[in-house]
Amino acid sequence: VGDVCLRFFDQAGAPVITSLNERVIGMKLEQLRQVKRAVGIAGGQRKFEAIRGALLGGWINVLITDRFTAERLVA
């Protein structure tokens, strides 16, 4: 449903394993979890499921978003 650093995850935040993972040069999701402050910047109705998945999966721990998304996340 979304991606962080070109690493894909589903609605629950679980990693989605694809052949693309082996071709991406960059941080792996496991490495991202070890980062003290992982900031996500996203908003809007189209991005809601991906934002929620990133939060549920622990891929981000700081979110900069719009009011609509923030209110929907805490509802």
Protein backbone atom coordinates (compact mmCIF):
# COMPACT_ATOMS: atom_id res chain seq x y z
CA VAL A 1 0.00 0.00 0.00
CA GLY A 2 3.00 2.28 0.49
CA ASP A 3 6.77 2.53 0.59
CA VAL A 4 9.57 4.03 2.63
CA CYS A 5 12.99 4.32 0.97
CA LEU A 6 11.55 2.26 -1.94
CA ARG A 7 10.80 -0.60 0.47
CA PHE A 8 7.15 -1.59 0.19
CA PHE A 9 4.73 -2.47 3.01
CA ASP A 10 1.06 -3.49 3.26
CA GLN A 11 -1.86 -1.84 5.12
CA ALA A 12 -0.76 -3.37 8.41
CA GLY A 13 2.80 -2.15 7.93
CA ALA A 14 4.24 -5.59 7.17
CA PRO A 15 7.03 -5.65 4.56
CA VAL A 16 6.07 -6.78 1.06
CA ILE A 17 8.91 -8.81 -0.40
CA THR A 18 9.45 -8.19 -4.12
CA SER A 19 12.28 -8.73 -6.57
CA LEU A 20 12.80 -4.96 -6.50
CA ASN A 21 14.22 -5.26 -2.96
CA GLU A 22 17.41 -6.82 -4.30
CA ARG A 23 17.93 -3.99 -6.80
CA VAL A 24 17.37 -1.02 -4.48
CA ILE A 25 20.49 0.71 -3.24
CA GLY A 26 19.65 2.26 0.09
CA MET A 27 18.50 1.66 3.62
CA LYS A 28 16.60 -1.54 4.35
CA LEU A 29 13.46 -1.45 6.51
CA GLU A 30 15.27 -3.29 9.31
CA GLN A 31 17.90 -0.54 9.35
CA LEU A 32 15.23 2.15 9.34
CA ARG A 33 13.73 0.75 12.56
CA GLN A 34 17.05 1.41 14.30
CA VAL A 35 17.05 5.11 13.38
CA LYS A 36 16.28 7.34 16.37
CA ARG A 37 14.04 9.71 14.42
CA ALA A 38 12.41 8.54 11.18
CA VAL A 39 10.35 11.41 9.78
CA GLY A 40 7.50 10.87 7.33
CA ILE A 41 6.05 13.78 5.38
CA ALA A 42 2.77 12.98 3.63
CA GLY A 43 -0.87 13.90 3.65
CA GLY A 44 -4.18 13.77 1.89
CA GLN A 45 -6.89 11.22 1.42
CA ARG A 46 -4.97 9.29 -1.28
CA LYS A 47 -2.01 8.74 1.06
CA PHE A 48 -3.97 7.87 4.21
CA GLU A 49 -3.64 4.06 4.05
CA ALA A 50 0.09 4.30 3.33
CA ILE A 51 0.63 6.74 6.20
CA ARG A 52 -1.27 4.52 8.62
CA GLY A 53 0.67 1.46 7.41
CA ALA A 54 3.99 3.25 7.90
CA LEU A 55 3.00 4.18 11.46
CA LEU A 56 1.66 0.70 12.28
CA GLY A 57 4.80 -0.93 10.91
CA GLY A 58 7.04 1.36 12.92
CA TRP A 59 8.74 2.62 9.75
CA ILE A 60 8.27 6.24 10.84
CA ASN A 61 8.02 7.69 14.33
CA VAL A 62 7.51 11.36 13.45
CA LEU A 63 4.78 12.48 11.04
CA ILE A 64 4.33 15.84 9.35
CA THR A 65 0.88 15.88 7.76
CA ASP A 66 -2.27 17.87 7.11
CA ARG A 67 -5.23 18.36 9.45
CA PHE A 68 -7.50 15.91 7.59
CA THR A 69 -5.01 13.07 7.92
CA ALA A 70 -4.14 13.86 11.54
CA GLU A 71 -7.79 13.91 12.62
CA ARG A 72 -8.52 10.67 10.80
CA LEU A 73 -5.50 8.93 12.36
CA VAL A 74 -6.54 9.76 15.92
CA ALA A 75 -10.26 8.99 15.37
